[in-house]
């Protein structure tokens, strides 16, 4: 009997109320990876969640060129990610991948497939700006046949019932073509369902972090 694996929508529910772009495959290749010690430390975002960013001692490639990012929400909920900083077309991006225990039992763990999520990043020694690619923006382009990229449409159960989510299944090569084409499109980072407020519209998919300590312990 074959077991159908559950796709884990890479847990950034703590980050925003809307949806963000998710992929089965990484958005980066080894040659794209950048590592910068200046983002290591403890940060606070605009939702009062704490981000603890440290160098990952070793990832699946056997190299210490990624970050372990632990996020503690204001309510105390915790999640951990392996994050790669990478550069495409002179723009910097983050690839988030959940790590650690993500299921209540070992059997459930065997039936979960984690996904990668994508954000654009700009930073200084004291601030980080994270902008999430908006899934609803991508959905509109797909419906209008303005983009062609391999994907699956999933019905995901949440507290409000079932909602539709898109999972990109394209290769990393094709994902990067998509990023390069739309990485400078401001509409890709805006919340299209909050058009009543320009400020909220622009900030809905954006997190602004301030460094509160160089210590990441």
Protein backbone atom coordinates (compact mmCIF):
# COMPACT_ATOMS: atom_id res chain seq x y z
CA UNK A 1 0.00 0.00 0.00
CA UNK A 2 1.44 3.35 -1.01
CA UNK A 3 1.23 6.24 1.41
CA UNK A 4 0.61 9.68 -0.02
CA UNK A 5 2.96 12.14 1.62
CA UNK A 6 1.59 15.33 3.15
CA UNK A 7 3.18 18.54 1.92
CA UNK A 8 4.20 20.77 4.80
CA UNK A 9 3.59 24.40 3.88
CA UNK A 10 6.90 25.72 5.17
CA UNK A 11 5.83 27.27 8.34
CA UNK A 12 5.73 30.98 8.07
CA UNK A 13 2.23 31.32 9.43
CA UNK A 14 3.88 33.21 12.28
CA UNK A 15 5.10 35.81 9.83
CA UNK A 16 2.02 37.00 8.03
CA UNK A 17 -1.64 36.34 7.55
CA UNK A 18 -1.44 35.94 3.77
CA UNK A 19 0.23 33.34 1.58
CA UNK A 20 3.74 33.24 0.22
CA UNK A 21 5.45 31.35 -2.58
CA UNK A 22 6.52 27.79 -1.78
CA UNK A 23 8.59 25.26 -3.75
CA UNK A 24 9.41 21.58 -3.60
CA UNK A 25 12.95 22.35 -4.78
CA UNK A 26 15.49 24.92 -3.53
CA UNK A 27 15.55 28.39 -5.06
CA UNK A 28 19.37 28.44 -4.99
CA UNK A 29 22.36 26.46 -6.27
CA UNK A 30 25.72 26.11 -4.53
CA UNK A 31 27.33 28.78 -6.70
CA UNK A 32 24.66 31.33 -5.69
CA UNK A 33 25.19 31.02 -1.93
CA UNK A 34 26.46 34.03 0.00
CA UNK A 35 27.44 34.03 3.67
CA UNK A 36 27.69 37.23 5.70
CA UNK A 37 28.50 37.21 9.41
CA UNK A 38 26.87 40.61 9.89
CA UNK A 39 23.36 39.14 10.01
CA UNK A 40 24.28 36.77 12.83
CA UNK A 41 22.70 37.86 16.11
CA UNK A 42 19.33 38.39 17.76
CA UNK A 43 16.74 40.53 16.00
CA UNK A 44 13.21 41.79 16.73
CA UNK A 45 10.63 42.12 13.96
CA UNK A 46 7.67 44.50 13.67
CA UNK A 47 5.36 41.86 15.21
CA UNK A 48 7.62 41.61 18.30
CA UNK A 49 8.82 38.16 17.30
CA UNK A 50 12.44 37.41 18.10
CA UNK A 51 14.74 36.06 15.37
CA UNK A 52 17.87 34.25 16.57
CA UNK A 53 20.25 33.89 13.62
CA UNK A 54 23.40 31.80 13.93
CA UNK A 55 25.73 30.00 11.55
CA UNK A 56 24.55 26.48 10.81
CA UNK A 57 27.43 24.20 11.78
CA UNK A 58 26.72 21.74 8.97
CA UNK A 59 23.91 21.30 6.47
CA UNK A 60 23.16 18.51 3.98
CA UNK A 61 25.93 19.71 1.67
CA UNK A 62 28.43 19.26 4.50
CA UNK A 63 29.28 22.97 4.49
CA UNK A 64 28.73 25.65 7.10
CA UNK A 65 27.46 28.22 4.61
CA UNK A 66 23.88 28.58 5.81
CA UNK A 67 22.08 29.97 8.85
CA UNK A 68 20.04 28.35 11.57
CA UNK A 69 17.18 30.75 12.24
CA UNK A 70 15.10 30.26 15.35
CA UNK A 71 11.95 32.37 15.59
CA UNK A 72 10.16 32.92 18.87
CA UNK A 73 6.76 34.55 18.54
CA UNK A 74 5.34 36.98 21.06
CA UNK A 75 3.07 34.20 22.35
CA UNK A 76 6.02 31.86 22.90
CA UNK A 77 5.60 29.58 19.86
CA UNK A 78 8.94 28.51 18.39
CA UNK A 79 10.07 27.34 14.96
CA UNK A 80 13.48 26.68 13.41
CA UNK A 81 14.69 26.96 9.83
CA UNK A 82 17.77 26.33 7.78
CA UNK A 83 18.17 29.48 5.71
CA UNK A 84 20.42 30.11 2.73
CA UNK A 85 21.32 33.64 1.69
CA UNK A 86 21.89 33.73 -2.06
CA UNK A 87 22.38 36.23 -4.86
CA UNK A 88 20.74 36.33 -8.29
CA UNK A 89 21.04 39.19 -10.76
CA UNK A 90 22.68 41.36 -8.06
CA UNK A 91 19.71 40.89 -5.69
CA UNK A 92 19.85 39.03 -2.39
CA UNK A 93 17.25 36.43 -1.39
CA UNK A 94 16.53 34.00 1.43
CA UNK A 95 15.50 30.36 1.05
CA UNK A 96 13.73 29.10 4.20
CA UNK A 97 13.50 25.38 4.96
CA UNK A 98 11.92 24.12 8.22
CA UNK A 99 14.04 21.82 10.39
CA UNK A 100 13.57 20.01 13.68
CA UNK A 101 10.50 18.14 14.80
CA UNK A 102 7.46 19.10 12.73
CA UNK A 103 5.05 16.31 13.62
CA UNK A 104 3.52 14.82 16.74
CA UNK A 105 4.76 11.27 16.06
CA UNK A 106 7.49 9.45 14.14
CA UNK A 107 4.87 7.91 11.84
CA UNK A 108 3.46 11.34 11.00
CA UNK A 109 7.01 12.62 10.48
CA UNK A 110 7.55 9.97 7.79
CA UNK A 111 4.56 11.32 5.85
CA UNK A 112 5.60 14.96 5.73
CA UNK A 113 7.56 16.67 2.98
CA UNK A 114 8.89 20.11 3.87
CA UNK A 115 8.96 22.92 1.31
CA UNK A 116 11.17 25.91 0.55
CA UNK A 117 9.84 29.46 0.84
CA UNK A 118 11.31 32.56 -0.77
CA UNK A 119 11.93 36.12 0.39
CA UNK A 120 13.93 39.08 -0.84
CA UNK A 121 16.32 40.67 1.66
CA UNK A 122 18.14 43.96 2.12
CA UNK A 123 20.14 44.68 5.25
CA UNK A 124 22.64 46.79 7.14
CA UNK A 125 24.57 45.96 10.29
CA UNK A 126 21.56 47.05 12.38
CA UNK A 127 18.46 46.38 10.25
CA UNK A 128 17.05 43.67 8.00
CA UNK A 129 14.14 44.05 5.59
CA UNK A 130 12.47 40.80 4.50
CA UNK A 131 9.94 40.89 1.64
CA UNK A 132 7.91 37.80 0.84
CA UNK A 133 6.84 36.95 -2.70
CA UNK A 134 3.04 37.00 -2.69
CA UNK A 135 1.32 33.77 -3.72
CA UNK A 136 -1.91 35.60 -4.62
CA UNK A 137 0.02 37.79 -7.06
CA UNK A 138 1.47 34.64 -8.65
CA UNK A 139 -1.98 33.04 -8.76
CA UNK A 140 -3.33 35.96 -10.81
CA UNK A 141 -0.48 35.63 -13.31
CA UNK A 142 -1.09 31.90 -13.64
CA UNK A 143 -4.82 32.39 -14.22
CA UNK A 144 -4.09 35.03 -16.86
CA UNK A 145 -1.54 32.73 -18.54
CA UNK A 146 1.11 35.41 -18.09
CA UNK A 147 3.55 32.94 -16.59
CA UNK A 148 4.17 29.27 -17.20
CA UNK A 149 5.90 27.40 -14.41
CA UNK A 150 5.34 23.87 -13.14
CA UNK A 151 3.13 23.80 -10.06
CA UNK A 152 0.41 21.96 -8.17
CA UNK A 153 -2.70 23.47 -6.62
CA UNK A 154 -3.32 22.07 -3.14
CA UNK A 155 -6.29 22.26 -0.81
CA UNK A 156 -4.87 22.84 2.66
CA UNK A 157 -6.96 22.61 5.82
CA UNK A 158 -6.61 25.40 8.33
CA UNK A 159 -8.68 26.80 11.19
CA UNK A 160 -11.13 28.38 8.76
CA UNK A 161 -11.64 25.28 6.64
CA UNK A 162 -9.90 24.50 3.35
CA UNK A 163 -7.90 27.04 1.37
CA UNK A 164 -6.08 26.73 -1.93
CA UNK A 165 -2.31 26.92 -1.96
CA UNK A 166 0.15 26.66 -4.81
CA UNK A 167 3.27 24.52 -4.67
CA UNK A 168 5.92 25.13 -7.30
CA UNK A 169 7.36 21.88 -8.66
CA UNK A 170 9.69 23.41 -11.24
CA UNK A 171 13.43 22.75 -11.24
CA UNK A 172 15.80 25.15 -9.50
CA UNK A 173 16.91 26.37 -12.94
CA UNK A 174 13.35 27.35 -13.89
CA UNK A 175 12.67 28.81 -10.44
CA UNK A 176 15.64 31.12 -10.88
CA UNK A 177 14.39 32.31 -14.26
CA UNK A 178 11.16 33.26 -12.48
CA UNK A 179 13.04 35.09 -9.70
CA UNK A 180 15.23 37.02 -12.13
CA UNK A 181 12.23 38.08 -14.20
CA UNK A 182 10.07 39.28 -11.29
CA UNK A 183 12.60 40.10 -8.56
CA UNK A 184 12.29 43.85 -9.25
CA UNK A 185 8.51 43.85 -9.73
CA UNK A 186 7.11 45.75 -6.72
CA UNK A 187 3.69 44.12 -7.21
CA UNK A 188 5.24 40.75 -6.39
CA UNK A 189 5.66 41.85 -2.78
CA UNK A 190 2.32 43.58 -2.17
CA UNK A 191 -0.84 42.27 -0.59
CA UNK A 192 -3.52 42.58 -3.28
CA UNK A 193 -6.39 42.00 -0.83
CA UNK A 194 -5.67 45.11 1.24
CA UNK A 195 -6.12 47.76 -1.44
CA UNK A 196 -8.11 49.97 0.95
CA UNK A 197 -4.89 51.03 2.65
CA UNK A 198 -1.76 51.77 0.65
CA UNK A 199 0.45 51.56 3.73
CA UNK A 200 -0.95 48.21 4.85
CA UNK A 201 -0.86 47.05 1.26
CA UNK A 202 2.86 47.69 0.98
CA UNK A 203 3.75 46.38 4.43
CA UNK A 204 1.61 43.23 4.53
CA UNK A 205 4.35 41.04 3.08
CA UNK A 206 7.26 42.93 4.62
CA UNK A 207 9.07 42.40 7.90
CA UNK A 208 11.46 44.97 9.34
CA UNK A 209 13.94 43.58 11.84
CA UNK A 210 16.15 45.52 14.22
CA UNK A 211 19.23 44.02 15.84
CA UNK A 212 18.95 43.86 19.61
CA UNK A 213 22.11 41.83 20.26
CA UNK A 214 25.15 40.43 18.46
CA UNK A 215 24.70 37.33 20.59
CA UNK A 216 22.83 34.48 18.87
CA UNK A 217 22.65 32.13 21.85
